[in-house]
Amino acid sequence: MILFTLISAITLTVENGTEPARVPDTLKAVIYSIGPEGGVPVETTLVSGGKAQIAEPQGAQAVGVEVIYGKNSFFSDPVKPGGQAKVVIYEGGGSLDQVGVKQVNVAFTTRGDTFVVVEALHLVNKGNRIIEGKDIMALPLPKGYSDFFYMGPPEDYLLAKDTLYLRPQLLPGVSSMAFSYVMPGSFTYERDITPKPEQMLIYAEPGLKLSGKNLVSKGDTTIGGMPVGLYAPKDLSQAIRIKVGSGKRPPWLLALLVAAGAIVVVVVAWFFINKYTRRQRVLADLGTLEFLYERGEVTEEEYREQKAELLAELDRLLSKREPEGEEEHPE
């Protein structure tokens, strides 16, 4: 059981990023204790007039706050004891027409004579309203893939004819979605994320509700699926090329390829939805490492070494506040 101490408290401020002059009178907030094993919800409280004083859970290395507004949750950055937490909430009603692709990260790991391909797609919601998962976007997948795994709710995606159909929920700013699949040890794959503005006939899984202004019904519901027409906006475009050789490359070379390429950033609950600060990226890398370890794609020794490094980096970042105005520059 986690006890609370009144020695210090977190000062919480809630702002409305869509309509700055309007903050709901009463909001529900959940307090998280952040330690070596991640974030644990420990208490709920009410926020009146956008302000609250929160008693801190004893023994926490840091504290995070989730503010619930309507059907959505909004999170603060992790803060040290006695610190000030800020949560920005947003209204809904955005459209995929406001979304562009920022970056696609790809990591390869080995599984026998095959490759596990992990992709993270970073999308930019350029508006100031939430895109609430009503519109549809389509991503092509390579022929011959197997063991597909999408890191998100099963009702938010559909797999049909080598195409992944997604209903992303995006806050203003940068958000991520991640998925993985298995490919043969030798393949060439030209990745072209360019949904075409054309009508495509797909079959939705029973019970899956695909709806929104970009979706038009094409027939009656039948056993096994529902015929639907799909339109995807033009501006979701980003092309990358993946070339993999014979599959005979030694593990150390594959490790270098993964390290030299982009390490996949997986949005793992709680605090990492909107902004990419250094602290958030370290915590997201911990989540990615846990995911790969659970699937047996990194050794126990690699897991221990990388986790120790990430926890040391997190402790350093939490013990030293970054100067205001400092910007993050990608390597």
Protein backbone atom coordinates (compact mmCIF):
# COMPACT_ATOMS: atom_id res chain seq x y z
CA MET A 1 0.00 0.00 0.00
CA ILE A 2 1.38 3.42 -0.97
CA LEU A 3 1.21 6.04 1.75
CA PHE A 4 1.05 9.81 1.27
CA THR A 5 3.22 12.43 2.86
CA LEU A 6 2.28 16.07 3.48
CA ILE A 7 5.91 17.22 3.55
CA SER A 8 5.59 18.53 -0.02
CA ALA A 9 2.89 18.73 -2.64
CA ILE A 10 2.54 19.00 -6.38
CA THR A 11 0.94 22.18 -7.71
CA LEU A 12 -1.28 21.31 -10.69
CA THR A 13 -2.40 23.76 -13.36
CA VAL A 14 -4.84 22.80 -16.11
CA GLU A 15 -5.05 24.82 -19.35
CA ASN A 16 -7.35 24.55 -22.38
CA GLY A 17 -5.30 24.39 -25.57
CA THR A 18 -8.36 24.77 -27.81
CA GLU A 19 -10.13 27.62 -26.00
CA PRO A 20 -7.63 29.19 -23.56
CA ALA A 21 -10.28 31.32 -21.84
CA ARG A 22 -12.43 28.30 -20.92
CA VAL A 23 -11.37 25.69 -18.36
CA PRO A 24 -14.10 23.45 -16.87
CA ASP A 25 -14.92 24.26 -13.25
CA THR A 26 -14.42 20.66 -12.07
CA LEU A 27 -12.18 17.97 -13.56
CA LYS A 28 -11.10 14.54 -12.33
CA ALA A 29 -7.36 13.94 -11.92
CA VAL A 30 -5.47 10.69 -11.32
CA ILE A 31 -2.10 10.82 -9.56
CA TYR A 32 0.63 8.38 -10.61
CA SER A 33 3.64 7.33 -8.57
CA ILE A 34 6.58 6.84 -10.96
CA GLY A 35 9.35 4.47 -9.94
CA PRO A 36 11.74 1.93 -11.53
CA GLU A 37 8.82 -0.24 -12.65
CA GLY A 38 6.90 2.58 -14.31
CA GLY A 39 3.81 4.53 -13.30
CA VAL A 40 1.21 3.28 -10.82
CA PRO A 41 -2.11 5.12 -10.23
CA VAL A 42 -2.44 5.74 -6.50
CA GLU A 43 -5.12 8.39 -5.93
CA THR A 44 -7.81 10.49 -7.59
CA THR A 45 -8.77 14.07 -6.83
CA LEU A 46 -10.90 16.90 -8.19
CA VAL A 47 -9.45 19.98 -9.89
CA SER A 48 -11.45 23.17 -9.34
CA GLY A 49 -10.97 26.17 -11.59
CA GLY A 50 -7.90 24.66 -13.23
CA LYS A 51 -5.87 24.54 -9.98
CA ALA A 52 -5.13 21.86 -7.38
CA GLN A 53 -2.66 20.95 -4.65
CA ILE A 54 -1.80 17.22 -4.69
CA ALA A 55 -0.23 15.32 -1.82
CA GLU A 56 2.63 13.20 -3.11
CA PRO A 57 2.87 9.42 -2.78
CA GLN A 58 5.70 8.50 -0.43
CA GLY A 59 8.74 6.88 -2.03
CA ALA A 60 7.98 7.98 -5.60
CA GLN A 61 10.93 9.03 -7.72
CA ALA A 62 8.57 11.28 -9.64
CA VAL A 63 4.86 12.02 -9.90
CA GLY A 64 2.63 12.24 -12.97
CA VAL A 65 -0.91 13.53 -13.31
CA GLU A 66 -3.69 12.40 -15.67
CA VAL A 67 -6.62 14.75 -16.20
CA ILE A 68 -9.83 13.23 -17.57
CA TYR A 69 -11.90 15.50 -19.80
CA GLY A 70 -14.87 13.94 -21.58
CA LYS A 71 -13.76 10.65 -23.17
CA ASN A 72 -10.11 11.67 -23.33
CA SER A 73 -7.17 11.69 -20.94
CA PHE A 74 -4.37 14.25 -20.82
CA PHE A 75 -1.06 13.87 -19.01
CA SER A 76 1.62 15.96 -17.38
CA ASP A 77 5.34 15.41 -17.73
CA PRO A 78 6.81 13.54 -14.75
CA VAL A 79 7.70 16.05 -12.01
CA LYS A 80 9.92 15.84 -8.94
CA PRO A 81 8.50 16.21 -5.40
CA GLY A 82 7.46 19.78 -4.71
CA GLY A 83 7.33 20.56 -8.41
CA GLN A 84 4.67 22.10 -10.63
CA ALA A 85 2.70 19.96 -13.08
CA LYS A 86 0.86 21.37 -16.07
CA VAL A 87 -1.77 19.53 -18.10
CA VAL A 88 -3.18 20.92 -21.35
CA ILE A 89 -6.62 19.66 -22.39
CA TYR A 90 -8.12 19.89 -25.88
CA GLU A 91 -11.57 19.81 -27.43
CA GLY A 92 -12.52 17.24 -30.10
CA GLY A 93 -13.58 17.72 -33.69
CA GLY A 94 -10.36 17.62 -35.71
CA SER A 95 -9.99 15.97 -39.13
CA LEU A 96 -7.36 13.76 -40.76
CA ASP A 97 -7.05 16.51 -43.37
CA GLN A 98 -4.94 18.33 -40.77
CA VAL A 99 -2.53 15.42 -40.31
CA GLY A 100 0.89 14.94 -41.89
CA VAL A 101 3.56 12.28 -41.45
CA LYS A 102 6.59 13.42 -39.46
CA GLN A 103 8.75 10.32 -39.42
CA VAL A 104 8.72 6.54 -39.87
CA ASN A 105 11.08 4.52 -37.64
CA VAL A 106 11.97 0.92 -38.48
CA ALA A 107 13.89 -1.59 -36.36
CA PHE A 108 14.88 -5.15 -37.33
CA THR A 109 15.43 -8.03 -34.94
CA THR A 110 16.09 -11.69 -35.74
CA ARG A 111 13.91 -14.72 -35.13
CA GLY A 112 15.51 -17.78 -36.65
CA ASP A 113 15.86 -17.19 -40.39
CA THR A 114 13.32 -14.36 -40.38
CA PHE A 115 13.20 -10.69 -39.47
CA VAL A 116 10.83 -9.09 -37.00
CA VAL A 117 10.04 -5.66 -38.44
CA VAL A 118 8.89 -3.07 -35.91
CA GLU A 119 7.54 0.19 -37.32
CA ALA A 120 6.55 3.38 -35.54
CA LEU A 121 4.66 5.98 -37.53
CA HIS A 122 4.85 9.52 -36.13
CA LEU A 123 1.92 11.73 -37.17
CA VAL A 124 1.55 15.48 -36.74
CA ASN A 125 -1.88 16.89 -35.93
CA LYS A 126 -1.39 20.48 -37.09
CA GLY A 127 -4.68 21.74 -35.69
CA ASN A 128 -5.68 22.55 -32.12
CA ARG A 129 -8.45 19.94 -31.81
CA ILE A 130 -8.35 16.23 -31.06
CA ILE A 131 -8.84 13.82 -33.94
CA GLU A 132 -11.15 11.35 -32.23
CA GLY A 133 -10.65 8.16 -34.22
CA LYS A 134 -13.60 8.54 -36.62
CA ASP A 135 -11.71 8.97 -39.89
CA ILE A 136 -9.76 6.19 -41.58
CA MET A 137 -6.22 6.03 -42.92
CA ALA A 138 -4.66 3.15 -44.87
CA LEU A 139 -1.08 1.81 -44.76
CA PRO A 140 0.23 -0.82 -47.21
CA LEU A 141 2.07 -3.83 -45.77
CA PRO A 142 4.58 -6.04 -47.65
CA LYS A 143 3.34 -9.22 -49.26
CA GLY A 144 4.36 -12.34 -47.37
CA TYR A 145 4.24 -10.93 -43.84
CA SER A 146 3.02 -13.01 -40.90
CA ASP A 147 2.46 -12.71 -37.14
CA PHE A 148 1.10 -9.18 -37.31
CA PHE A 149 0.87 -7.29 -34.01
CA TYR A 150 -0.65 -3.81 -33.60
CA MET A 151 0.19 -1.95 -30.38
CA GLY A 152 -3.24 -0.50 -29.80
CA PRO A 153 -6.90 -1.38 -29.17
CA PRO A 154 -8.14 -4.16 -31.50
CA GLU A 155 -11.25 -2.17 -32.40
CA ASP A 156 -9.09 0.62 -33.87
CA TYR A 157 -7.61 -1.31 -36.77
CA LEU A 158 -8.52 -3.73 -39.55
CA LEU A 159 -6.17 -5.91 -41.60
CA ALA A 160 -7.31 -6.73 -45.15
CA LYS A 161 -5.49 -7.56 -48.40
CA ASP A 162 -2.01 -6.49 -47.24
CA THR A 163 -3.37 -3.15 -46.04
CA LEU A 164 -3.63 -1.88 -42.48
CA TYR A 165 -6.66 0.37 -41.92
CA LEU A 166 -6.40 2.58 -38.83
CA ARG A 167 -8.66 4.98 -36.97
CA PRO A 168 -6.04 7.06 -35.13
CA GLN A 169 -6.91 9.22 -32.15
CA LEU A 170 -4.45 12.12 -32.22
CA LEU A 171 -3.85 15.02 -29.88
CA PRO A 172 -2.56 18.29 -31.36
CA GLY A 173 1.15 17.93 -32.00
CA VAL A 174 3.05 14.69 -32.57
CA SER A 175 1.59 11.27 -31.75
CA SER A 176 2.81 7.76 -32.57
CA MET A 177 1.39 4.41 -33.50
CA ALA A 178 3.45 1.22 -33.69
CA PHE A 179 3.04 -2.24 -35.19
CA SER A 180 5.23 -5.23 -36.00
CA TYR A 181 5.22 -8.24 -38.30
CA VAL A 182 7.52 -11.07 -39.41
CA MET A 183 9.16 -11.25 -42.84
CA PRO A 184 11.37 -13.89 -44.54
CA GLY A 185 15.12 -13.51 -44.07
CA SER A 186 15.59 -12.23 -47.62
CA PHE A 187 13.27 -9.60 -49.04
CA THR A 188 13.15 -6.16 -50.65
CA TYR A 189 10.40 -3.87 -49.49
CA GLU A 190 9.65 -0.39 -50.80
CA ARG A 191 7.59 1.30 -48.10
CA ASP A 192 5.26 3.89 -49.53
CA ILE A 193 2.78 5.37 -47.07
CA THR A 194 0.63 7.18 -49.59
CA PRO A 195 -3.07 6.41 -49.18
CA LYS A 196 -4.71 6.90 -52.55
CA PRO A 197 -7.87 9.07 -52.85
CA GLU A 198 -9.89 6.27 -54.42
CA GLN A 199 -12.78 4.01 -53.44
CA MET A 200 -11.59 0.62 -52.16
CA LEU A 201 -13.81 -2.28 -51.18
CA ILE A 202 -12.86 -3.86 -47.86
CA TYR A 203 -14.66 -6.19 -45.46
CA ALA A 204 -14.85 -5.19 -41.83
CA GLU A 205 -14.68 -7.80 -39.11
CA PRO A 206 -18.04 -8.50 -37.41
CA GLY A 207 -18.69 -5.94 -34.69
CA LEU A 208 -16.04 -3.51 -35.94
CA LYS A 209 -17.61 -0.08 -36.43
CA LEU A 210 -15.91 1.75 -39.26
CA SER A 211 -17.58 5.12 -39.62
CA GLY A 212 -16.86 8.79 -40.24
CA LYS A 213 -17.01 11.32 -43.01
CA ASN A 214 -14.33 9.48 -45.04
CA LEU A 215 -16.29 6.21 -45.10
CA VAL A 216 -19.26 5.39 -47.30
CA SER A 217 -21.41 2.26 -47.02
CA LYS A 218 -21.31 0.00 -50.10
CA GLY A 219 -23.77 -2.73 -49.22
CA ASP A 220 -25.69 -4.73 -46.65
CA THR A 221 -24.13 -6.23 -43.54
CA THR A 222 -23.51 -9.95 -44.06
CA ILE A 223 -22.13 -12.82 -42.02
CA GLY A 224 -18.36 -12.51 -42.06
CA GLY A 225 -18.20 -8.78 -42.69
CA MET A 226 -19.66 -5.56 -43.95
CA PRO A 227 -18.73 -4.10 -47.38
CA VAL A 228 -17.57 -0.50 -47.02
CA GLY A 229 -15.97 2.13 -49.26
CA LEU A 230 -12.88 3.93 -48.05
CA TYR A 231 -11.44 7.36 -48.82
CA ALA A 232 -8.06 8.39 -47.44
CA PRO A 233 -6.70 11.98 -47.53
CA LYS A 234 -3.81 12.80 -49.86
CA ASP A 235 -1.54 14.53 -47.37
CA LEU A 236 -0.63 11.41 -45.35
CA SER A 237 2.49 10.62 -47.34
CA GLN A 238 5.98 9.46 -46.42
CA ALA A 239 8.08 7.01 -48.39
CA ILE A 240 11.04 5.01 -47.09
CA ARG A 241 12.97 2.12 -48.59
CA ILE A 242 13.88 -1.03 -46.66
CA LYS A 243 16.44 -3.34 -48.26
CA VAL A 244 17.41 -6.57 -46.53
CA GLY A 245 19.96 -8.99 -47.97
CA SER A 246 20.21 -12.75 -47.80
CA GLY A 247 19.38 -13.05 -44.13
CA LYS A 248 22.92 -14.40 -43.43
CA ARG A 249 24.12 -11.27 -41.69
CA PRO A 250 25.64 -11.96 -38.24
CA PRO A 251 23.68 -10.83 -35.18
CA TRP A 252 26.24 -8.15 -34.30
CA LEU A 253 25.75 -6.51 -37.71
CA LEU A 254 21.98 -6.55 -37.27
CA ALA A 255 22.49 -4.95 -33.85
CA LEU A 256 24.54 -2.21 -35.52
CA LEU A 257 21.82 -1.73 -38.12
CA VAL A 258 19.22 -1.34 -35.40
CA ALA A 259 21.42 1.04 -33.41
CA ALA A 260 22.31 3.10 -36.49
CA GLY A 261 18.69 3.25 -37.58
CA ALA A 262 15.85 4.79 -35.66
CA ILE A 263 14.96 3.16 -32.33
CA VAL A 264 11.21 2.74 -32.37
CA VAL A 265 9.36 5.06 -30.03
CA VAL A 266 6.24 3.31 -28.74
CA VAL A 267 3.57 5.36 -27.08
CA VAL A 268 3.06 3.48 -23.87
CA ALA A 269 0.13 4.87 -21.95
CA TRP A 270 0.08 7.56 -19.33
CA PHE A 271 2.56 10.38 -19.97
CA PHE A 272 3.83 10.12 -23.52
CA ILE A 273 0.97 11.16 -25.81
CA ASN A 274 1.76 14.65 -27.01
CA LYS A 275 5.25 16.12 -26.53
CA TYR A 276 8.61 14.42 -27.08
CA THR A 277 10.86 15.59 -24.27
CA ARG A 278 14.02 13.76 -23.32
CA ARG A 279 12.33 12.24 -20.29
CA GLN A 280 9.43 10.93 -22.38
CA ARG A 281 11.72 9.34 -24.92
CA VAL A 282 13.69 7.48 -22.24
CA LEU A 283 10.45 6.15 -20.72
CA ALA A 284 9.15 5.17 -24.18
CA ASP A 285 12.42 3.34 -24.91
CA LEU A 286 11.91 1.40 -21.67
CA GLY A 287 8.49 0.34 -22.93
CA THR A 288 9.95 -0.73 -26.28
CA LEU A 289 12.67 -2.74 -24.52
CA GLU A 290 10.07 -4.52 -22.34
CA PHE A 291 8.00 -5.36 -25.43
CA LEU A 292 10.96 -6.82 -27.34
CA TYR A 293 12.13 -8.76 -24.24
CA GLU A 294 8.69 -10.30 -23.66
CA ARG A 295 8.65 -11.50 -27.28
CA GLY A 296 12.12 -13.05 -26.88
CA GLU A 297 13.75 -10.69 -29.37
CA VAL A 298 16.53 -9.50 -27.06
CA THR A 299 18.69 -11.63 -24.76
CA GLU A 300 18.43 -11.36 -20.98
CA GLU A 301 21.94 -9.86 -20.83
CA GLU A 302 21.06 -7.21 -23.44
CA TYR A 303 17.81 -6.53 -21.59
CA ARG A 304 19.56 -6.00 -18.23
CA GLU A 305 22.29 -3.79 -19.69
CA GLN A 306 19.94 -1.59 -21.73
CA LYS A 307 17.42 -1.27 -18.89
CA ALA A 308 20.16 -0.24 -16.44
CA GLU A 309 21.38 2.42 -18.89
CA LEU A 310 17.86 3.78 -19.47
CA LEU A 311 17.05 3.90 -15.73
CA ALA A 312 20.33 5.73 -15.07
CA GLU A 313 19.49 8.23 -17.80
CA LEU A 314 15.97 8.70 -16.39
CA ASP A 315 17.35 9.32 -12.91
CA ARG A 316 19.79 11.90 -14.32
CA LEU A 317 17.03 13.71 -16.20
CA LEU A 318 14.68 13.73 -13.22
CA SER A 319 17.37 15.04 -10.89
CA LYS A 320 18.26 17.95 -13.16
CA ARG A 321 15.63 20.31 -14.56
CA GLU A 322 16.33 21.34 -18.14
CA PRO A 323 16.71 25.11 -18.80
CA GLU A 324 13.54 26.67 -20.09
CA GLY A 325 13.53 27.30 -23.81
CA GLU A 326 15.94 24.47 -24.58
CA GLU A 327 14.87 22.68 -27.73
CA GLU A 328 15.33 19.06 -28.67
CA HIS A 329 17.31 18.48 -31.87
CA PRO A 330 17.18 15.05 -33.49
CA GLU A 331 20.47 13.37 -34.05
